[in-house]
Every structure is written in C-alpha cells, then in structure tokens.
C-alpha atoms as a PDB file:
ATOM      1  CA  UNK A   1       0.000   0.000   0.000  1.00  0.00           C
ATOM      2  CA  UNK A   2       1.602   3.246  -1.164  1.00  0.00           C
ATOM      3  CA  UNK A   3       1.218   6.622   0.514  1.00  0.00           C
ATOM      4  CA  UNK A   4      -1.585   7.685  -1.808  1.00  0.00           C
ATOM      5  CA  UNK A   5      -3.463   4.433  -1.268  1.00  0.00           C
ATOM      6  CA  UNK A   6      -3.020   4.800   2.491  1.00  0.00           C
ATOM      7  CA  UNK A   7      -4.425   8.330   2.256  1.00  0.00           C
ATOM      8  CA  UNK A   8      -7.449   7.038   0.347  1.00  0.00           C
ATOM      9  CA  UNK A   9      -8.045   4.288   2.884  1.00  0.00           C
ATOM     10  CA  UNK A  10      -7.993   6.533   5.989  1.00  0.00           C
ATOM     11  CA  UNK A  11      -9.040  10.077   5.058  1.00  0.00           C
ATOM     12  CA  UNK A  12     -12.024  11.284   7.120  1.00  0.00           C
ATOM     13  CA  UNK A  13     -11.892   8.124   9.246  1.00  0.00           C
ATOM     14  CA  UNK A  14     -10.795   7.911  12.882  1.00  0.00           C
ATOM     15  CA  UNK A  15      -8.901   5.008  14.466  1.00  0.00           C
ATOM     16  CA  UNK A  16      -8.561   4.417  18.204  1.00  0.00           C
ATOM     17  CA  UNK A  17      -5.893   1.737  18.171  1.00  0.00           C
ATOM     18  CA  UNK A  18      -5.238   1.461  21.914  1.00  0.00           C
ATOM     19  CA  UNK A  19      -8.555   2.361  23.547  1.00  0.00           C
ATOM     20  CA  UNK A  20      -6.973   5.247  25.461  1.00  0.00           C
ATOM     21  CA  UNK A  21      -8.286   8.855  25.232  1.00  0.00           C
ATOM     22  CA  UNK A  22     -10.176   8.178  22.012  1.00  0.00           C
ATOM     23  CA  UNK A  23      -8.791   9.034  18.566  1.00  0.00           C
ATOM     24  CA  UNK A  24      -5.318  10.591  18.909  1.00  0.00           C
ATOM     25  CA  UNK A  25      -2.477  11.409  16.527  1.00  0.00           C
ATOM     26  CA  UNK A  26      -0.466   8.542  18.014  1.00  0.00           C
ATOM     27  CA  UNK A  27      -3.286   6.155  17.074  1.00  0.00           C
ATOM     28  CA  UNK A  28      -2.789   7.182  13.460  1.00  0.00           C
ATOM     29  CA  UNK A  29       0.869   6.190  13.629  1.00  0.00           C
ATOM     30  CA  UNK A  30      -0.061   2.917  15.350  1.00  0.00           C
ATOM     31  CA  UNK A  31      -2.639   2.207  12.633  1.00  0.00           C
ATOM     32  CA  UNK A  32      -0.016   2.775   9.936  1.00  0.00           C
ATOM     33  CA  UNK A  33       2.452   0.492  11.720  1.00  0.00           C
ATOM     34  CA  UNK A  34      -0.135  -2.280  12.030  1.00  0.00           C
ATOM     35  CA  UNK A  35      -1.702  -2.110   8.564  1.00  0.00           C
ATOM     36  CA  UNK A  36       1.214  -1.060   6.357  1.00  0.00           C
ATOM     37  CA  UNK A  37       4.457  -1.899   8.145  1.00  0.00           C
ATOM     38  CA  UNK A  38       3.152  -5.097   9.735  1.00  0.00           C
ATOM     39  CA  UNK A  39       4.341  -4.138  13.241  1.00  0.00           C
ATOM     40  CA  UNK A  40       1.528  -4.171  15.808  1.00  0.00           C
ATOM     41  CA  UNK A  41       2.353  -1.734  18.598  1.00  0.00           C
ATOM     42  CA  UNK A  42      -1.277  -0.850  19.286  1.00  0.00           C
ATOM     43  CA  UNK A  43      -1.189  -2.587  22.660  1.00  0.00           C
ATOM     44  CA  UNK A  44       1.940  -0.782  23.857  1.00  0.00           C
ATOM     45  CA  UNK A  45       2.424   2.546  25.604  1.00  0.00           C
ATOM     46  CA  UNK A  46       4.802   4.214  23.173  1.00  0.00           C
ATOM     47  CA  UNK A  47       4.713   7.735  24.622  1.00  0.00           C
ATOM     48  CA  UNK A  48       6.080   7.058  28.117  1.00  0.00           C
ATOM     49  CA  UNK A  49       7.096   8.897  30.194  1.00  0.00           C
ATOM     50  CA  UNK A  50       5.647  12.156  28.791  1.00  0.00           C
ATOM     51  CA  UNK A  51       2.393  10.718  27.466  1.00  0.00           C
ATOM     52  CA  UNK A  52       2.954  12.856  24.357  1.00  0.00           C
ATOM     53  CA  UNK A  53       3.906  12.047  20.779  1.00  0.00           C
ATOM     54  CA  UNK A  54       7.460  13.423  20.992  1.00  0.00           C
ATOM     55  CA  UNK A  55       8.451  10.512  23.270  1.00  0.00           C
ATOM     56  CA  UNK A  56       8.176   8.216  20.217  1.00  0.00           C
ATOM     57  CA  UNK A  57      11.347   9.944  18.964  1.00  0.00           C
ATOM     58  CA  UNK A  58      13.075   9.389  22.304  1.00  0.00           C
ATOM     59  CA  UNK A  59      11.882   5.760  22.540  1.00  0.00           C
ATOM     60  CA  UNK A  60      12.808   4.915  18.941  1.00  0.00           C
ATOM     61  CA  UNK A  61      15.249   2.086  19.659  1.00  0.00           C
ATOM     62  CA  UNK A  62      13.583   0.699  22.797  1.00  0.00           C
ATOM     63  CA  UNK A  63      10.289   0.342  20.902  1.00  0.00           C
ATOM     64  CA  UNK A  64      12.003  -1.615  18.135  1.00  0.00           C
ATOM     65  CA  UNK A  65      11.034   1.010  15.581  1.00  0.00           C
ATOM     66  CA  UNK A  66      14.594   1.069  14.224  1.00  0.00           C
ATOM     67  CA  UNK A  67      13.818  -2.280  12.544  1.00  0.00           C
ATOM     68  CA  UNK A  68      11.083  -0.682  10.453  1.00  0.00           C
ATOM     69  CA  UNK A  69      12.039   3.016  10.209  1.00  0.00           C
ATOM     70  CA  UNK A  70      15.084   5.250   9.800  1.00  0.00           C
ATOM     71  CA  UNK A  71      15.392   8.625  11.510  1.00  0.00           C
ATOM     72  CA  UNK A  72      15.810  11.560   9.106  1.00  0.00           C
ATOM     73  CA  UNK A  73      16.201  15.281   9.698  1.00  0.00           C
ATOM     74  CA  UNK A  74      13.262  17.619   9.166  1.00  0.00           C
ATOM     75  CA  UNK A  75      14.868  19.184   6.091  1.00  0.00           C
ATOM     76  CA  UNK A  76      15.173  15.781   4.362  1.00  0.00           C
ATOM     77  CA  UNK A  77      11.537  14.653   4.612  1.00  0.00           C
ATOM     78  CA  UNK A  78       9.899  12.738   1.766  1.00  0.00           C
ATOM     79  CA  UNK A  79       6.311  11.702   1.088  1.00  0.00           C
ATOM     80  CA  UNK A  80       5.397   8.994   3.623  1.00  0.00           C
ATOM     81  CA  UNK A  81       7.800  10.026   6.410  1.00  0.00           C
ATOM     82  CA  UNK A  82       6.246  10.410   9.877  1.00  0.00           C
ATOM     83  CA  UNK A  83       7.130  13.835  11.296  1.00  0.00           C
ATOM     84  CA  UNK A  84       7.314  14.373  15.073  1.00  0.00           C
ATOM     85  CA  UNK A  85       6.926  17.752  16.776  1.00  0.00           C
ATOM     86  CA  UNK A  86       8.018  18.694  20.276  1.00  0.00           C
ATOM     87  CA  UNK A  87       5.654  20.808  22.389  1.00  0.00           C
ATOM     88  CA  UNK A  88       5.479  24.106  20.514  1.00  0.00           C
ATOM     89  CA  UNK A  89       3.078  26.921  19.686  1.00  0.00           C
ATOM     90  CA  UNK A  90       1.673  25.060  16.668  1.00  0.00           C
ATOM     91  CA  UNK A  91       1.432  21.727  18.532  1.00  0.00           C
ATOM     92  CA  UNK A  92       1.058  22.463  22.262  1.00  0.00           C
ATOM     93  CA  UNK A  93       0.833  18.747  23.123  1.00  0.00           C
ATOM     94  CA  UNK A  94       3.369  17.733  20.445  1.00  0.00           C
ATOM     95  CA  UNK A  95       2.214  15.825  17.371  1.00  0.00           C
ATOM     96  CA  UNK A  96       2.974  13.042  14.868  1.00  0.00           C
ATOM     97  CA  UNK A  97       1.714  13.024  11.279  1.00  0.00           C
ATOM     98  CA  UNK A  98       2.688  11.774   7.816  1.00  0.00           C
ATOM     99  CA  UNK A  99       4.498  14.302   5.621  1.00  0.00           C
ATOM    100  CA  UNK A 100       3.060  14.523   2.086  1.00  0.00           C
ATOM    101  CA  UNK A 101       4.725  17.525   0.432  1.00  0.00           C
ATOM    102  CA  UNK A 102       6.287  20.947   0.982  1.00  0.00           C
ATOM    103  CA  UNK A 103       4.212  24.030   0.196  1.00  0.00           C
ATOM    104  CA  UNK A 104       7.095  25.524  -1.749  1.00  0.00           C
ATOM    105  CA  UNK A 105       8.136  27.961   0.939  1.00  0.00           C
ATOM    106  CA  UNK A 106      10.389  25.779   3.077  1.00  0.00           C
ATOM    107  CA  UNK A 107       8.381  26.709   6.168  1.00  0.00           C
ATOM    108  CA  UNK A 108       5.143  24.711   5.968  1.00  0.00           C
ATOM    109  CA  UNK A 109       4.031  21.428   4.492  1.00  0.00           C
ATOM    110  CA  UNK A 110       0.974  19.256   3.982  1.00  0.00           C
ATOM    111  CA  UNK A 111       0.577  16.491   6.573  1.00  0.00           C
ATOM    112  CA  UNK A 112      -1.802  13.538   6.890  1.00  0.00           C
ATOM    113  CA  UNK A 113      -2.740  12.797  10.481  1.00  0.00           C
ATOM    114  CA  UNK A 114      -5.334  12.435  13.200  1.00  0.00           C
ATOM    115  CA  UNK A 115      -6.436  14.976  15.799  1.00  0.00           C
ATOM    116  CA  UNK A 116      -4.958  17.939  13.933  1.00  0.00           C
ATOM    117  CA  UNK A 117      -8.070  19.831  12.796  1.00  0.00           C
ATOM    118  CA  UNK A 118      -9.695  21.191  15.940  1.00  0.00           C
ATOM    119  CA  UNK A 119     -12.695  19.169  17.059  1.00  0.00           C
ATOM    120  CA  UNK A 120     -12.350  16.821  14.100  1.00  0.00           C
ATOM    121  CA  UNK A 121     -10.170  13.996  15.367  1.00  0.00           C
ATOM    122  CA  UNK A 122     -10.424  11.840  12.235  1.00  0.00           C
ATOM    123  CA  UNK A 123      -7.698  11.686   9.582  1.00  0.00           C
ATOM    124  CA  UNK A 124      -7.292  15.001   7.747  1.00  0.00           C
ATOM    125  CA  UNK A 125      -4.650  16.407   5.428  1.00  0.00           C
ATOM    126  CA  UNK A 126      -3.730  19.951   6.464  1.00  0.00           C
ATOM    127  CA  UNK A 127      -0.948  22.558   6.390  1.00  0.00           C
ATOM    128  CA  UNK A 128       1.364  22.585   9.427  1.00  0.00           C
ATOM    129  CA  UNK A 129       4.491  24.624  10.139  1.00  0.00           C
ATOM    130  CA  UNK A 130       7.886  22.933  10.385  1.00  0.00           C
ATOM    131  CA  UNK A 131       8.649  24.945  13.522  1.00  0.00           C
ATOM    132  CA  UNK A 132       9.073  22.589  16.470  1.00  0.00           C
ATOM    133  CA  UNK A 133       9.884  19.486  14.423  1.00  0.00           C
ATOM    134  CA  UNK A 134      12.225  16.992  16.098  1.00  0.00           C
ATOM    135  CA  UNK A 135      12.684  15.030  12.880  1.00  0.00           C
ATOM    136  CA  UNK A 136      10.903  12.272  10.989  1.00  0.00           C
ATOM    137  CA  UNK A 137      10.708   8.478  10.782  1.00  0.00           C
ATOM    138  CA  UNK A 138      11.108   7.025   7.285  1.00  0.00           C
ATOM    139  CA  UNK A 139       9.402   3.642   6.680  1.00  0.00           C
ATOM    140  CA  UNK A 140      11.984   1.210   5.352  1.00  0.00           C
ATOM    141  CA  UNK A 141       9.280  -0.665   3.456  1.00  0.00           C
ATOM    142  CA  UNK A 142       8.717   2.415   1.258  1.00  0.00           C
ATOM    143  CA  UNK A 143      12.211   3.649   0.626  1.00  0.00           C
ATOM    144  CA  UNK A 144      14.266   0.449   0.519  1.00  0.00           C
ATOM    145  CA  UNK A 145      12.259  -1.008  -2.385  1.00  0.00           C
ATOM    146  CA  UNK A 146      14.273  -1.328  -5.609  1.00  0.00           C
ATOM    147  CA  UNK A 147      12.760   0.419  -8.611  1.00  0.00           C
ATOM    148  CA  UNK A 148      11.590  -1.815 -11.461  1.00  0.00           C
ATOM    149  CA  UNK A 149      14.563  -2.876 -13.556  1.00  0.00           C
ATOM    150  CA  UNK A 150      14.721  -3.620 -17.265  1.00  0.00           C
ATOM    151  CA  UNK A 151      14.301  -7.322 -17.930  1.00  0.00           C
ATOM    152  CA  UNK A 152      17.521  -9.009 -19.073  1.00  0.00           C
ATOM    153  CA  UNK A 153      17.333 -11.457 -21.939  1.00  0.00           C
ATOM    154  CA  UNK A 154      15.428 -14.626 -20.993  1.00  0.00           C
ATOM    155  CA  UNK A 155      14.745 -13.287 -17.465  1.00  0.00           C
ATOM    156  CA  UNK A 156      11.414 -12.337 -15.944  1.00  0.00           C
ATOM    157  CA  UNK A 157      10.402  -9.570 -13.570  1.00  0.00           C
ATOM    158  CA  UNK A 158       8.364 -10.587 -10.542  1.00  0.00           C
ATOM    159  CA  UNK A 159       6.524  -8.429  -8.034  1.00  0.00           C
ATOM    160  CA  UNK A 160       6.511  -9.833  -4.496  1.00  0.00           C
ATOM    161  CA  UNK A 161       3.917  -8.781  -1.910  1.00  0.00           C
ATOM    162  CA  UNK A 162       5.104  -9.442   1.679  1.00  0.00           C
ATOM    163  CA  UNK A 163       3.080 -11.460   4.219  1.00  0.00           C
ATOM    164  CA  UNK A 164       2.966  -8.479   6.600  1.00  0.00           C
ATOM    165  CA  UNK A 165       0.208  -6.912   4.460  1.00  0.00           C
ATOM    166  CA  UNK A 166      -3.424  -7.999   4.975  1.00  0.00           C
ATOM    167  CA  UNK A 167      -4.899  -6.613   1.751  1.00  0.00           C
ATOM    168  CA  UNK A 168      -3.579  -5.179  -1.510  1.00  0.00           C
ATOM    169  CA  UNK A 169      -5.917  -3.384  -3.911  1.00  0.00           C
ATOM    170  CA  UNK A 170      -6.050  -4.355  -7.561  1.00  0.00           C
ATOM    171  CA  UNK A 171      -7.613  -2.645 -10.560  1.00  0.00           C
ATOM    172  CA  UNK A 172      -8.657  -3.389 -14.112  1.00  0.00           C
ATOM    173  CA  UNK A 173      -5.691  -2.935 -16.423  1.00  0.00           C
ATOM    174  CA  UNK A 174      -6.954   0.163 -18.235  1.00  0.00           C
ATOM    175  CA  UNK A 175      -8.402   2.254 -15.381  1.00  0.00           C
ATOM    176  CA  UNK A 176      -6.820   4.913 -13.184  1.00  0.00           C
ATOM    177  CA  UNK A 177      -5.512   3.283  -9.956  1.00  0.00           C
ATOM    178  CA  UNK A 178      -7.654   5.201  -7.456  1.00  0.00           C
ATOM    179  CA  UNK A 179      -9.864   3.948  -4.640  1.00  0.00           C
ATOM    180  CA  UNK A 180     -13.099   4.351  -6.611  1.00  0.00           C
ATOM    181  CA  UNK A 181     -11.789   1.972  -9.287  1.00  0.00           C
ATOM    182  CA  UNK A 182     -10.829  -0.817  -6.884  1.00  0.00           C
ATOM    183  CA  UNK A 183     -11.824  -4.183  -8.353  1.00  0.00           C
ATOM    184  CA  UNK A 184     -10.849  -6.326  -5.379  1.00  0.00           C
ATOM    185  CA  UNK A 185      -8.109  -7.242  -2.947  1.00  0.00           C
ATOM    186  CA  UNK A 186      -5.199  -9.663  -2.924  1.00  0.00           C
ATOM    187  CA  UNK A 187      -4.408 -11.142   0.495  1.00  0.00           C
ATOM    188  CA  UNK A 188      -0.638 -11.623   0.931  1.00  0.00           C
ATOM    189  CA  UNK A 189      -0.849 -12.301   4.680  1.00  0.00           C
ATOM    190  CA  UNK A 190      -3.332 -15.142   4.217  1.00  0.00           C
ATOM    191  CA  UNK A 191      -0.986 -16.984   1.833  1.00  0.00           C
ATOM    192  CA  UNK A 192       2.357 -16.173   3.453  1.00  0.00           C
ATOM    193  CA  UNK A 193       3.220 -13.650   0.736  1.00  0.00           C
ATOM    194  CA  UNK A 194       2.340 -13.526  -2.967  1.00  0.00           C
ATOM    195  CA  UNK A 195       4.543 -13.348  -6.065  1.00  0.00           C
ATOM    196  CA  UNK A 196       3.437 -12.591  -9.619  1.00  0.00           C
ATOM    197  CA  UNK A 197       5.093 -12.358 -13.011  1.00  0.00           C
ATOM    198  CA  UNK A 198       5.014  -8.772 -14.290  1.00  0.00           C
ATOM    199  CA  UNK A 199       3.555  -8.655 -17.804  1.00  0.00           C
ATOM    200  CA  UNK A 200       4.175  -4.910 -18.103  1.00  0.00           C
ATOM    201  CA  UNK A 201       4.491  -1.706 -16.111  1.00  0.00           C
ATOM    202  CA  UNK A 202       1.838   0.961 -16.556  1.00  0.00           C
ATOM    203  CA  UNK A 203       1.040   4.468 -15.259  1.00  0.00           C
ATOM    204  CA  UNK A 204       4.664   5.597 -15.704  1.00  0.00           C
ATOM    205  CA  UNK A 205       5.920   2.598 -13.720  1.00  0.00           C
ATOM    206  CA  UNK A 206       3.558   3.108 -10.784  1.00  0.00           C
ATOM    207  CA  UNK A 207       1.604  -0.082 -11.459  1.00  0.00           C
ATOM    208  CA  UNK A 208       2.373  -3.632 -12.552  1.00  0.00           C
ATOM    209  CA  UNK A 209       0.129  -5.840 -14.674  1.00  0.00           C
ATOM    210  CA  UNK A 210      -0.164  -9.360 -13.242  1.00  0.00           C
ATOM    211  CA  UNK A 211      -2.327 -12.425 -13.839  1.00  0.00           C
ATOM    212  CA  UNK A 212      -4.453 -13.906 -11.049  1.00  0.00           C
ATOM    213  CA  UNK A 213      -6.209 -17.264 -11.098  1.00  0.00           C
ATOM    214  CA  UNK A 214      -9.557 -15.834  -9.992  1.00  0.00           C
ATOM    215  CA  UNK A 215      -9.680 -12.431 -11.702  1.00  0.00           C
ATOM    216  CA  UNK A 216      -7.374 -12.807 -14.692  1.00  0.00           C
ATOM    217  CA  UNK A 217      -5.115  -9.925 -15.720  1.00  0.00           C
ATOM    218  CA  UNK A 218      -5.276  -6.941 -13.358  1.00  0.00           C
ATOM    219  CA  UNK A 219      -2.848  -4.286 -12.187  1.00  0.00           C
ATOM    220  CA  UNK A 220      -1.577  -3.345  -8.734  1.00  0.00           C
ATOM    221  CA  UNK A 221      -0.021  -0.118  -7.457  1.00  0.00           C
ATOM    222  CA  UNK A 222       3.655  -0.661  -6.556  1.00  0.00           C
ATOM    223  CA  UNK A 223       5.421   2.730  -6.658  1.00  0.00           C
ATOM    224  CA  UNK A 224       6.558   3.813  -3.183  1.00  0.00           C
ATOM    225  CA  UNK A 225       5.238   0.640  -1.562  1.00  0.00           C
ATOM    226  CA  UNK A 226       6.823  -2.341   0.165  1.00  0.00           C
ATOM    227  CA  UNK A 227       6.383  -4.481  -2.947  1.00  0.00           C
ATOM    228  CA  UNK A 228       9.729  -5.932  -4.026  1.00  0.00           C
ATOM    229  CA  UNK A 229      10.736  -6.453  -7.650  1.00  0.00           C
ATOM    230  CA  UNK A 230      12.991  -9.440  -8.345  1.00  0.00           C
ATOM    231  CA  UNK A 231      14.461 -10.563 -11.660  1.00  0.00           C
ATOM    232  CA  UNK A 232      14.637 -14.180 -12.742  1.00  0.00           C
ATOM    233  CA  UNK A 233      13.071 -15.686  -9.628  1.00  0.00           C
ATOM    234  CA  UNK A 234      10.155 -15.042  -7.310  1.00  0.00           C
ATOM    235  CA  UNK A 235      10.197 -14.690  -3.534  1.00  0.00           C
ATOM    236  CA  UNK A 236       6.963 -16.424  -2.448  1.00  0.00           C
ATOM    237  CA  UNK A 237       5.558 -19.723  -3.702  1.00  0.00           C
ATOM    238  CA  UNK A 238       1.956 -18.532  -3.845  1.00  0.00           C
ATOM    239  CA  UNK A 239       0.414 -16.486  -6.642  1.00  0.00           C
ATOM    240  CA  UNK A 240       0.544 -16.998 -10.393  1.00  0.00           C
ATOM    241  CA  UNK A 241       4.116 -17.424 -11.606  1.00  0.00           C
END
C-alpha cells in the first residue's frame, strides 16, 4: 500500500488503536504500523514517560522502531515520512503526522494525520508549520524497495507482496488506480506472501500488470510501496508465476 493508497483508505476516518483517550495522533501512527508496516504496537504505551507524541522519537530504539524506520532530519523529509513535533506553539501537546509535500516555501508542508483539525479527530490532510519538528521516521518498506529494472534477456520480472500486508488493492488494467476503481483485494498475509510475473508496467511505472487465477489480468499499485521487484526468480511460492 503506497502513501496515496493509504491516504485514500484513511481520510475522514478515525482510528482508536489502543482504547486510550479516544482518537489521537499517536493512534494514526499505530494504525499505519499495524496495517502497512506489519508491526503491531497498538497494545503498547509508546509515549512514556511524557504521554505525548514526541516521546516516540526518544523511545525509537527501545520500541524496536529502528527495525522498520530510519530517523531523518526535518529538512530531508519525503512523502510517507512520519514527522514528530516537540511541544510548541503550533502543537502544544506535540504531534505526529505523515508528511506529504512541501508548500514551496520551506516553512510549511501538507501532513496527513489524526487529531490535527480542531474538534475533528479523524484523519485530515492539512498545512502545518515545520517549527518545532524533532525530525521524521522514514518507513523502510517504502524507501528500501528497488525500482523496477529492465528485464535481461530470458529473465522475468516478478513483483513480491510481503506477508505483513493484509490486503492489496487491484484494478482493471486500463483504469486509473484510485480507490473508486478498486476491483478487489489480494491477500498476501493469508498466503504467506504472494509473487506474480510482471507482464508490463503501466502508469509511468507506478503499477504492474499481473495475472491472477480468480480475476485474470489486473494491475496493482507498486510505486513507493513495500512491494519488491525481483528478476529471474520469485520470492513467495503462492500467486501466479
């Protein structure tokens, strides 16, 4: 699930992952960890001792987040990084939210997060200042994925969907890959991971055309996701090779 697909799946929805204090910004991060990264920390207190989001930065190693994220400085943020603010004028109780893009002024950006729009605690995407940022956490599953490579002679490209993901949207081959055009879902977790031969790349390399036993040829969104492209061999035994 790429950043855009995650946005489509959560916008205007609220998730209380831990049952504490209702829908909070930290719950949004926990939801992302559980549904995208495959690391369930919903049951853990990750903001001790302050009780505020900035303690996630301080607890980075002890929470085991270093296995799934890399710390990056605020001036190096990319789409999908989780920014963390200290207590500041813009975020009096600190904050954590997903960075989407800079507004072109180097001072503010667009962030996807919970409990950041007044009384509306659900996921919103709003402008927030960079002032007070501690830094950001970069999901390894997004930024350690090799880009699709040209196929050598007599070799095949495969796309491999890891077993940490519950569902992966797929679309008809010739439609725009947006939520409204979802045809169904693949279920990598159910089968211990799925691998498919890539017939072609579409949408400027953002999607891969595959063949499924049940639905025939469809395409899946792979750009900026934890999908892994391999050449000549596949990673998981299940799927259509």
